[in-house]
Amino acid sequence: MHTDNPEENMTFGELLALIADQQRRLTVLENAFAFLSFCLDEKACQLLIHSLRLESQNQNRDTTLQQHFSHLADALEKRNSFNPPPADIS
């Protein structure tokens, strides 16, 4: 794929491959971010979820982006509400 030189044309297949690669990278980042919430204490995690919910209502954002913020808040809430705190292993 010729993405080093922006003046070169991409084929449709190359563009589709680039989009697919970007989607996979975003999926990895979403999952990594969601799992990082396990490192937060309950209060910090609740604050993060609340902040994401506020962003999902931010009228300066387009509707699709608002939905993505809401989806991420839902995912974090779901992951953290069903998991008891880790057992003390000391």
PDB file of N, CA and C in Angstrom:
ATOM      1  N   MET A   1       0.851  -1.168   0.000  1.00  0.00           N
ATOM      2  CA  MET A   1       0.000   0.000   0.000  1.00  0.00           C
ATOM      3  C   MET A   1       0.896   1.230   0.000  1.00  0.00           C
ATOM      4  N   HIS A   2       0.538   2.200  -0.795  1.00  0.00           N
ATOM      5  CA  HIS A   2       1.362   3.387  -0.950  1.00  0.00           C
ATOM      6  C   HIS A   2       0.777   4.550  -0.161  1.00  0.00           C
ATOM      7  N   THR A   3       0.992   4.537   1.144  1.00  0.00           N
ATOM      8  CA  THR A   3       0.463   5.628   1.976  1.00  0.00           C
ATOM      9  C   THR A   3       1.552   6.604   2.397  1.00  0.00           C
ATOM     10  N   ASP A   4       2.811   6.321   2.023  1.00  0.00           N
ATOM     11  CA  ASP A   4       3.908   7.208   2.413  1.00  0.00           C
ATOM     12  C   ASP A   4       3.894   8.502   1.614  1.00  0.00           C
ATOM     13  N   ASN A   5       3.437   8.434   0.385  1.00  0.00           N
ATOM     14  CA  ASN A   5       3.426   9.602  -0.481  1.00  0.00           C
ATOM     15  C   ASN A   5       1.975   9.997  -0.748  1.00  0.00           C
ATOM     16  N   PRO A   6       1.508  11.090  -0.139  1.00  0.00           N
ATOM     17  CA  PRO A   6       0.100  11.460  -0.286  1.00  0.00           C
ATOM     18  C   PRO A   6      -0.290  11.850  -1.703  1.00  0.00           C
ATOM     19  N   GLU A   7       0.695  12.117  -2.558  1.00  0.00           N
ATOM     20  CA  GLU A   7       0.388  12.498  -3.931  1.00  0.00           C
ATOM     21  C   GLU A   7       0.097  11.294  -4.810  1.00  0.00           C
ATOM     22  N   GLU A   8       0.418  10.085  -4.352  1.00  0.00           N
ATOM     23  CA  GLU A   8       0.121   8.889  -5.119  1.00  0.00           C
ATOM     24  C   GLU A   8      -1.331   8.504  -4.910  1.00  0.00           C
ATOM     25  N   ASN A   9      -1.945   7.995  -5.959  1.00  0.00           N
ATOM     26  CA  ASN A   9      -3.338   7.561  -5.861  1.00  0.00           C
ATOM     27  C   ASN A   9      -3.408   6.177  -5.238  1.00  0.00           C
ATOM     28  N   MET A  10      -4.456   5.954  -4.478  1.00  0.00           N
ATOM     29  CA  MET A  10      -4.708   4.648  -3.893  1.00  0.00           C
ATOM     30  C   MET A  10      -5.771   3.954  -4.738  1.00  0.00           C
ATOM     31  N   THR A  11      -5.648   2.657  -4.841  1.00  0.00           N
ATOM     32  CA  THR A  11      -6.713   1.900  -5.491  1.00  0.00           C
ATOM     33  C   THR A  11      -7.854   1.747  -4.491  1.00  0.00           C
ATOM     34  N   PHE A  12      -9.013   1.380  -4.988  1.00  0.00           N
ATOM     35  CA  PHE A  12     -10.151   1.161  -4.114  1.00  0.00           C
ATOM     36  C   PHE A  12      -9.855   0.037  -3.129  1.00  0.00           C
ATOM     37  N   GLY A  13      -9.201  -1.007  -3.583  1.00  0.00           N
ATOM     38  CA  GLY A  13      -8.829  -2.125  -2.711  1.00  0.00           C
ATOM     39  C   GLY A  13      -7.884  -1.687  -1.606  1.00  0.00           C
ATOM     40  N   GLU A  14      -6.921  -0.841  -1.951  1.00  0.00           N
ATOM     41  CA  GLU A  14      -5.992  -0.331  -0.932  1.00  0.00           C
ATOM     42  C   GLU A  14      -6.729   0.527   0.094  1.00  0.00           C
ATOM     43  N   LEU A  15      -7.676   1.320  -0.379  1.00  0.00           N
ATOM     44  CA  LEU A  15      -8.464   2.142   0.533  1.00  0.00           C
ATOM     45  C   LEU A  15      -9.279   1.267   1.476  1.00  0.00           C
ATOM     46  N   LEU A  16      -9.904   0.228   0.953  1.00  0.00           N
ATOM     47  CA  LEU A  16     -10.669  -0.688   1.804  1.00  0.00           C
ATOM     48  C   LEU A  16      -9.769  -1.382   2.819  1.00  0.00           C
ATOM     49  N   ALA A  17      -8.567  -1.772   2.400  1.00  0.00           N
ATOM     50  CA  ALA A  17      -7.622  -2.414   3.318  1.00  0.00           C
ATOM     51  C   ALA A  17      -7.199  -1.438   4.417  1.00  0.00           C
ATOM     52  N   LEU A  18      -6.972  -0.202   4.053  1.00  0.00           N
ATOM     53  CA  LEU A  18      -6.596   0.820   5.032  1.00  0.00           C
ATOM     54  C   LEU A  18      -7.734   1.054   6.033  1.00  0.00           C
ATOM     55  N   ILE A  19      -8.956   1.145   5.546  1.00  0.00           N
ATOM     56  CA  ILE A  19     -10.107   1.332   6.426  1.00  0.00           C
ATOM     57  C   ILE A  19     -10.254   0.139   7.366  1.00  0.00           C
ATOM     58  N   ALA A  20     -10.122  -1.070   6.852  1.00  0.00           N
ATOM     59  CA  ALA A  20     -10.240  -2.274   7.687  1.00  0.00           C
ATOM     60  C   ALA A  20      -9.163  -2.284   8.760  1.00  0.00           C
ATOM     61  N   ASP A  21      -7.940  -1.895   8.387  1.00  0.00           N
ATOM     62  CA  ASP A  21      -6.854  -1.848   9.359  1.00  0.00           C
ATOM     63  C   ASP A  21      -7.147  -0.815  10.443  1.00  0.00           C
ATOM     64  N   GLN A  22      -7.660   0.339  10.057  1.00  0.00           N
ATOM     65  CA  GLN A  22      -7.998   1.376  11.035  1.00  0.00           C
ATOM     66  C   GLN A  22      -9.109   0.904  11.967  1.00  0.00           C
ATOM     67  N   GLN A  23     -10.089   0.173  11.438  1.00  0.00           N
ATOM     68  CA  GLN A  23     -11.161  -0.353  12.280  1.00  0.00           C
ATOM     69  C   GLN A  23     -10.608  -1.341  13.307  1.00  0.00           C
ATOM     70  N   ARG A  24      -9.690  -2.193  12.886  1.00  0.00           N
ATOM     71  CA  ARG A  24      -9.088  -3.145  13.831  1.00  0.00           C
ATOM     72  C   ARG A  24      -8.301  -2.410  14.906  1.00  0.00           C
ATOM     73  N   ARG A  25      -7.558  -1.399  14.528  1.00  0.00           N
ATOM     74  CA  ARG A  25      -6.780  -0.634  15.496  1.00  0.00           C
ATOM     75  C   ARG A  25      -7.691   0.070  16.494  1.00  0.00           C
ATOM     76  N   LEU A  26      -8.802   0.615  16.026  1.00  0.00           N
ATOM     77  CA  LEU A  26      -9.748   1.270  16.931  1.00  0.00           C
ATOM     78  C   LEU A  26     -10.389   0.272  17.886  1.00  0.00           C
ATOM     79  N   THR A  27     -10.662  -0.924  17.407  1.00  0.00           N
ATOM     80  CA  THR A  27     -11.230  -1.960  18.270  1.00  0.00           C
ATOM     81  C   THR A  27     -10.264  -2.299  19.395  1.00  0.00           C
ATOM     82  N   VAL A  28      -8.987  -2.418  19.056  1.00  0.00           N
ATOM     83  CA  VAL A  28      -7.973  -2.697  20.068  1.00  0.00           C
ATOM     84  C   VAL A  28      -7.917  -1.558  21.091  1.00  0.00           C
ATOM     85  N   LEU A  29      -7.931  -0.329  20.617  1.00  0.00           N
ATOM     86  CA  LEU A  29      -7.886   0.814  21.530  1.00  0.00           C
ATOM     87  C   LEU A  29      -9.124   0.877  22.423  1.00  0.00           C
ATOM     88  N   GLU A  30     -10.291   0.605  21.868  1.00  0.00           N
ATOM     89  CA  GLU A  30     -11.516   0.593  22.676  1.00  0.00           C
ATOM     90  C   GLU A  30     -11.429  -0.452  23.783  1.00  0.00           C
ATOM     91  N   ASN A  31     -10.981  -1.636  23.418  1.00  0.00           N
ATOM     92  CA  ASN A  31     -10.870  -2.698  24.415  1.00  0.00           C
ATOM     93  C   ASN A  31      -9.821  -2.374  25.468  1.00  0.00           C
ATOM     94  N   ALA A  32      -8.701  -1.853  25.043  1.00  0.00           N
ATOM     95  CA  ALA A  32      -7.651  -1.494  25.996  1.00  0.00           C
ATOM     96  C   ALA A  32      -8.165  -0.422  26.958  1.00  0.00           C
ATOM     97  N   PHE A  33      -8.853   0.560  26.435  1.00  0.00           N
ATOM     98  CA  PHE A  33      -9.385   1.624  27.280  1.00  0.00           C
ATOM     99  C   PHE A  33     -10.408   1.071  28.268  1.00  0.00           C
ATOM    100  N   ALA A  34     -11.277   0.192  27.794  1.00  0.00           N
ATOM    101  CA  ALA A  34     -12.290  -0.382  28.673  1.00  0.00           C
ATOM    102  C   ALA A  34     -11.647  -1.219  29.778  1.00  0.00           C
ATOM    103  N   PHE A  35     -10.603  -1.974  29.442  1.00  0.00           N
ATOM    104  CA  PHE A  35      -9.945  -2.792  30.461  1.00  0.00           C
ATOM    105  C   PHE A  35      -9.132  -1.952  31.434  1.00  0.00           C
ATOM    106  N   LEU A  36      -8.688  -0.792  31.023  1.00  0.00           N
ATOM    107  CA  LEU A  36      -7.971   0.091  31.943  1.00  0.00           C
ATOM    108  C   LEU A  36      -8.862   0.528  33.102  1.00  0.00           C
ATOM    109  N   SER A  37     -10.156   0.524  32.891  1.00  0.00           N
ATOM    110  CA  SER A  37     -11.067   0.934  33.965  1.00  0.00           C
ATOM    111  C   SER A  37     -10.970   0.005  35.169  1.00  0.00           C
ATOM    112  N   PHE A  38     -10.495  -1.228  34.968  1.00  0.00           N
ATOM    113  CA  PHE A  38     -10.307  -2.147  36.093  1.00  0.00           C
ATOM    114  C   PHE A  38      -9.205  -1.656  37.033  1.00  0.00           C
ATOM    115  N   CYS A  39      -8.351  -0.770  36.550  1.00  0.00           N
ATOM    116  CA  CYS A  39      -7.264  -0.227  37.373  1.00  0.00           C
ATOM    117  C   CYS A  39      -7.733   0.942  38.236  1.00  0.00           C
ATOM    118  N   LEU A  40      -8.940   1.404  37.986  1.00  0.00           N
ATOM    119  CA  LEU A  40      -9.462   2.548  38.729  1.00  0.00           C
ATOM    120  C   LEU A  40     -10.243   2.088  39.947  1.00  0.00           C
ATOM    121  N   ASP A  41     -10.219   2.911  40.984  1.00  0.00           N
ATOM    122  CA  ASP A  41     -11.089   2.597  42.113  1.00  0.00           C
ATOM    123  C   ASP A  41     -12.532   2.915  41.705  1.00  0.00           C
ATOM    124  N   GLU A  42     -13.470   2.504  42.532  1.00  0.00           N
ATOM    125  CA  GLU A  42     -14.886   2.628  42.165  1.00  0.00           C
ATOM    126  C   GLU A  42     -15.290   4.079  41.900  1.00  0.00           C
ATOM    127  N   LYS A  43     -14.827   4.990  42.745  1.00  0.00           N
ATOM    128  CA  LYS A  43     -15.194   6.397  42.593  1.00  0.00           C
ATOM    129  C   LYS A  43     -14.647   6.971  41.285  1.00  0.00           C
ATOM    130  N   ALA A  44     -13.385   6.660  40.966  1.00  0.00           N
ATOM    131  CA  ALA A  44     -12.778   7.162  39.732  1.00  0.00           C
ATOM    132  C   ALA A  44     -13.492   6.593  38.505  1.00  0.00           C
ATOM    133  N   CYS A  45     -13.866   5.334  38.594  1.00  0.00           N
ATOM    134  CA  CYS A  45     -14.565   4.705  37.477  1.00  0.00           C
ATOM    135  C   CYS A  45     -15.944   5.348  37.289  1.00  0.00           C
ATOM    136  N   GLN A  46     -16.633   5.608  38.383  1.00  0.00           N
ATOM    137  CA  GLN A  46     -17.941   6.270  38.295  1.00  0.00           C
ATOM    138  C   GLN A  46     -17.808   7.670  37.707  1.00  0.00           C
ATOM    139  N   LEU A  47     -16.751   8.367  38.079  1.00  0.00           N
ATOM    140  CA  LEU A  47     -16.501   9.701  37.534  1.00  0.00           C
ATOM    141  C   LEU A  47     -16.235   9.632  36.035  1.00  0.00           C
ATOM    142  N   LEU A  48     -15.454   8.646  35.606  1.00  0.00           N
ATOM    143  CA  LEU A  48     -15.176   8.466  34.185  1.00  0.00           C
ATOM    144  C   LEU A  48     -16.468   8.204  33.413  1.00  0.00           C
ATOM    145  N   ILE A  49     -17.292   7.305  33.922  1.00  0.00           N
ATOM    146  CA  ILE A  49     -18.566   6.987  33.267  1.00  0.00           C
ATOM    147  C   ILE A  49     -19.456   8.223  33.206  1.00  0.00           C
ATOM    148  N   HIS A  50     -19.516   8.966  34.302  1.00  0.00           N
ATOM    149  CA  HIS A  50     -20.319  10.193  34.330  1.00  0.00           C
ATOM    150  C   HIS A  50     -19.813  11.199  33.293  1.00  0.00           C
ATOM    151  N   SER A  51     -18.504  11.352  33.193  1.00  0.00           N
ATOM    152  CA  SER A  51     -17.927  12.285  32.219  1.00  0.00           C
ATOM    153  C   SER A  51     -18.256  11.863  30.791  1.00  0.00           C
ATOM    154  N   LEU A  52     -18.187  10.555  30.526  1.00  0.00           N
ATOM    155  CA  LEU A  52     -18.534  10.059  29.193  1.00  0.00           C
ATOM    156  C   LEU A  52     -20.010  10.309  28.888  1.00  0.00           C
ATOM    157  N   ARG A  53     -20.862  10.150  29.897  1.00  0.00           N
ATOM    158  CA  ARG A  53     -22.295  10.415  29.700  1.00  0.00           C
ATOM    159  C   ARG A  53     -22.537  11.905  29.403  1.00  0.00           C
ATOM    160  N   LEU A  54     -21.802  12.769  30.084  1.00  0.00           N
ATOM    161  CA  LEU A  54     -21.917  14.202  29.788  1.00  0.00           C
ATOM    162  C   LEU A  54     -21.504  14.496  28.347  1.00  0.00           C
ATOM    163  N   GLU A  55     -20.412  13.874  27.907  1.00  0.00           N
ATOM    164  CA  GLU A  55     -19.973  14.065  26.523  1.00  0.00           C
ATOM    165  C   GLU A  55     -21.011  13.527  25.532  1.00  0.00           C
ATOM    166  N   SER A  56     -21.722  12.476  25.932  1.00  0.00           N
ATOM    167  CA  SER A  56     -22.744  11.924  25.043  1.00  0.00           C
ATOM    168  C   SER A  56     -23.942  12.863  24.900  1.00  0.00           C
ATOM    169  N   GLN A  57     -24.035  13.848  25.784  1.00  0.00           N
ATOM    170  CA  GLN A  57     -25.117  14.834  25.716  1.00  0.00           C
ATOM    171  C   GLN A  57     -24.633  16.200  25.230  1.00  0.00           C
ATOM    172  N   ASN A  58     -23.348  16.291  24.917  1.00  0.00           N
ATOM    173  CA  ASN A  58     -22.742  17.550  24.489  1.00  0.00           C
ATOM    174  C   ASN A  58     -23.263  17.912  23.091  1.00  0.00           C
ATOM    175  N   GLN A  59     -24.005  19.000  23.012  1.00  0.00           N
ATOM    176  CA  GLN A  59     -24.601  19.428  21.749  1.00  0.00           C
ATOM    177  C   GLN A  59     -23.579  19.943  20.735  1.00  0.00           C
ATOM    178  N   ASN A  60     -22.338  20.169  21.177  1.00  0.00           N
ATOM    179  CA  ASN A  60     -21.283  20.584  20.257  1.00  0.00           C
ATOM    180  C   ASN A  60     -20.720  19.399  19.472  1.00  0.00           C
ATOM    181  N   ARG A  61     -21.133  18.193  19.834  1.00  0.00           N
ATOM    182  CA  ARG A  61     -20.690  16.971  19.152  1.00  0.00           C
ATOM    183  C   ARG A  61     -21.803  16.511  18.218  1.00  0.00           C
ATOM    184  N   ASP A  62     -21.411  15.848  17.122  1.00  0.00           N
ATOM    185  CA  ASP A  62     -22.445  15.333  16.233  1.00  0.00           C
ATOM    186  C   ASP A  62     -23.108  14.107  16.856  1.00  0.00           C
ATOM    187  N   THR A  63     -24.255  13.757  16.345  1.00  0.00           N
ATOM    188  CA  THR A  63     -25.068  12.683  16.917  1.00  0.00           C
ATOM    189  C   THR A  63     -24.321  11.359  16.971  1.00  0.00           C
ATOM    190  N   THR A  64     -23.591  11.041  15.925  1.00  0.00           N
ATOM    191  CA  THR A  64     -22.861   9.772  15.896  1.00  0.00           C
ATOM    192  C   THR A  64     -21.800   9.731  16.984  1.00  0.00           C
ATOM    193  N   LEU A  65     -21.075  10.817  17.166  1.00  0.00           N
ATOM    194  CA  LEU A  65     -20.052  10.864  18.203  1.00  0.00           C
ATOM    195  C   LEU A  65     -20.689  10.785  19.595  1.00  0.00           C
ATOM    196  N   GLN A  66     -21.819  11.427  19.779  1.00  0.00           N
ATOM    197  CA  GLN A  66     -22.544  11.327  21.046  1.00  0.00           C
ATOM    198  C   GLN A  66     -22.914   9.870  21.332  1.00  0.00           C
ATOM    199  N   GLN A  67     -23.346   9.152  20.307  1.00  0.00           N
ATOM    200  CA  GLN A  67     -23.705   7.742  20.479  1.00  0.00           C
ATOM    201  C   GLN A  67     -22.491   6.907  20.854  1.00  0.00           C
ATOM    202  N   HIS A  68     -21.346   7.226  20.295  1.00  0.00           N
ATOM    203  CA  HIS A  68     -20.119   6.486  20.628  1.00  0.00           C
ATOM    204  C   HIS A  68     -19.718   6.725  22.086  1.00  0.00           C
ATOM    205  N   PHE A  69     -19.838   7.960  22.553  1.00  0.00           N
ATOM    206  CA  PHE A  69     -19.554   8.243  23.966  1.00  0.00           C
ATOM    207  C   PHE A  69     -20.506   7.456  24.861  1.00  0.00           C
ATOM    208  N   SER A  70     -21.779   7.431  24.488  1.00  0.00           N
ATOM    209  CA  SER A  70     -22.768   6.702  25.271  1.00  0.00           C
ATOM    210  C   SER A  70     -22.469   5.201  25.272  1.00  0.00           C
ATOM    211  N   HIS A  71     -22.096   4.671  24.122  1.00  0.00           N
ATOM    212  CA  HIS A  71     -21.771   3.247  24.022  1.00  0.00           C
ATOM    213  C   HIS A  71     -20.577   2.894  24.912  1.00  0.00           C
ATOM    214  N   LEU A  72     -19.559   3.734  24.911  1.00  0.00           N
ATOM    215  CA  LEU A  72     -18.390   3.470  25.742  1.00  0.00           C
ATOM    216  C   LEU A  72     -18.759   3.548  27.223  1.00  0.00           C
ATOM    217  N   ALA A  73     -19.571   4.515  27.602  1.00  0.00           N
ATOM    218  CA  ALA A  73     -20.021   4.609  29.002  1.00  0.00           C
ATOM    219  C   ALA A  73     -20.802   3.358  29.392  1.00  0.00           C
ATOM    220  N   ASP A  74     -21.681   2.898  28.502  1.00  0.00           N
ATOM    221  CA  ASP A  74     -22.445   1.664  28.773  1.00  0.00           C
ATOM    222  C   ASP A  74     -21.523   0.467  28.947  1.00  0.00           C
ATOM    223  N   ALA A  75     -20.523   0.361  28.071  1.00  0.00           N
ATOM    224  CA  ALA A  75     -19.590  -0.774  28.135  1.00  0.00           C
ATOM    225  C   ALA A  75     -18.795  -0.756  29.434  1.00  0.00           C
ATOM    226  N   LEU A  76     -18.319   0.406  29.835  1.00  0.00           N
ATOM    227  CA  LEU A  76     -17.563   0.514  31.090  1.00  0.00           C
ATOM    228  C   LEU A  76     -18.450   0.195  32.282  1.00  0.00           C
ATOM    229  N   GLU A  77     -19.661   0.697  32.255  1.00  0.00           N
ATOM    230  CA  GLU A  77     -20.588   0.434  33.349  1.00  0.00           C
ATOM    231  C   GLU A  77     -20.898  -1.058  33.451  1.00  0.00           C
ATOM    232  N   LYS A  78     -21.111  -1.681  32.325  1.00  0.00           N
ATOM    233  CA  LYS A  78     -21.418  -3.114  32.310  1.00  0.00           C
ATOM    234  C   LYS A  78     -20.233  -3.939  32.824  1.00  0.00           C
ATOM    235  N   ARG A  79     -19.045  -3.608  32.351  1.00  0.00           N
ATOM    236  CA  ARG A  79     -17.863  -4.368  32.774  1.00  0.00           C
ATOM    237  C   ARG A  79     -17.568  -4.211  34.254  1.00  0.00           C
ATOM    238  N   ASN A  80     -17.847  -3.056  34.789  1.00  0.00           N
ATOM    239  CA  ASN A  80     -17.486  -2.791  36.183  1.00  0.00           C
ATOM    240  C   ASN A  80     -18.595  -3.094  37.171  1.00  0.00           C
ATOM    241  N   SER A  81     -19.817  -3.191  36.723  1.00  0.00           N
ATOM    242  CA  SER A  81     -20.904  -3.452  37.666  1.00  0.00           C
ATOM    243  C   SER A  81     -21.062  -4.930  37.977  1.00  0.00           C
ATOM    244  N   PHE A  82     -20.601  -5.801  37.094  1.00  0.00           N
ATOM    245  CA  PHE A  82     -20.768  -7.233  37.311  1.00  0.00           C
ATOM    246  C   PHE A  82     -19.533  -7.895  37.895  1.00  0.00           C
ATOM    247  N   ASN A  83     -18.488  -7.147  38.081  1.00  0.00           N
ATOM    248  CA  ASN A  83     -17.249  -7.729  38.582  1.00  0.00           C
ATOM    249  C   ASN A  83     -16.989  -7.266  40.005  1.00  0.00           C
ATOM    250  N   PRO A  84     -16.900  -8.188  40.942  1.00  0.00           N
ATOM    251  CA  PRO A  84     -16.570  -7.795  42.300  1.00  0.00           C
ATOM    252  C   PRO A  84     -15.121  -7.302  42.345  1.00  0.00           C
ATOM    253  N   PRO A  85     -14.779  -6.505  43.338  1.00  0.00           N
ATOM    254  CA  PRO A  85     -13.402  -6.051  43.434  1.00  0.00           C
ATOM    255  C   PRO A  85     -12.453  -7.246  43.566  1.00  0.00           C
ATOM    256  N   PRO A  86     -11.238  -7.121  43.048  1.00  0.00           N
ATOM    257  CA  PRO A  86     -10.303  -8.241  43.132  1.00  0.00           C
ATOM    258  C   PRO A  86     -10.050  -8.638  44.573  1.00  0.00           C
ATOM    259  N   ALA A  87      -9.877  -9.920  44.812  1.00  0.00           N
ATOM    260  CA  ALA A  87      -9.602 -10.431  46.157  1.00  0.00           C
ATOM    261  C   ALA A  87      -8.207  -9.978  46.584  1.00  0.00           C
ATOM    262  N   ASP A  88      -8.057  -9.724  47.852  1.00  0.00           N
ATOM    263  CA  ASP A  88      -6.750  -9.335  48.392  1.00  0.00           C
ATOM    264  C   ASP A  88      -5.845 -10.548  48.378  1.00  0.00           C
ATOM    265  N   ILE A  89      -4.731 -10.441  47.648  1.00  0.00           N
ATOM    266  CA  ILE A  89      -3.838 -11.596  47.508  1.00  0.00           C
ATOM    267  C   ILE A  89      -2.590 -11.474  48.384  1.00  0.00           C
ATOM    268  N   SER A  90      -2.688 -10.688  49.442  1.00  0.00           N
ATOM    269  CA  SER A  90      -1.517 -10.539  50.312  1.00  0.00           C
ATOM    270  C   SER A  90      -1.410 -11.638  51.324  1.00  0.00           C
TER     271      SER A  90
END
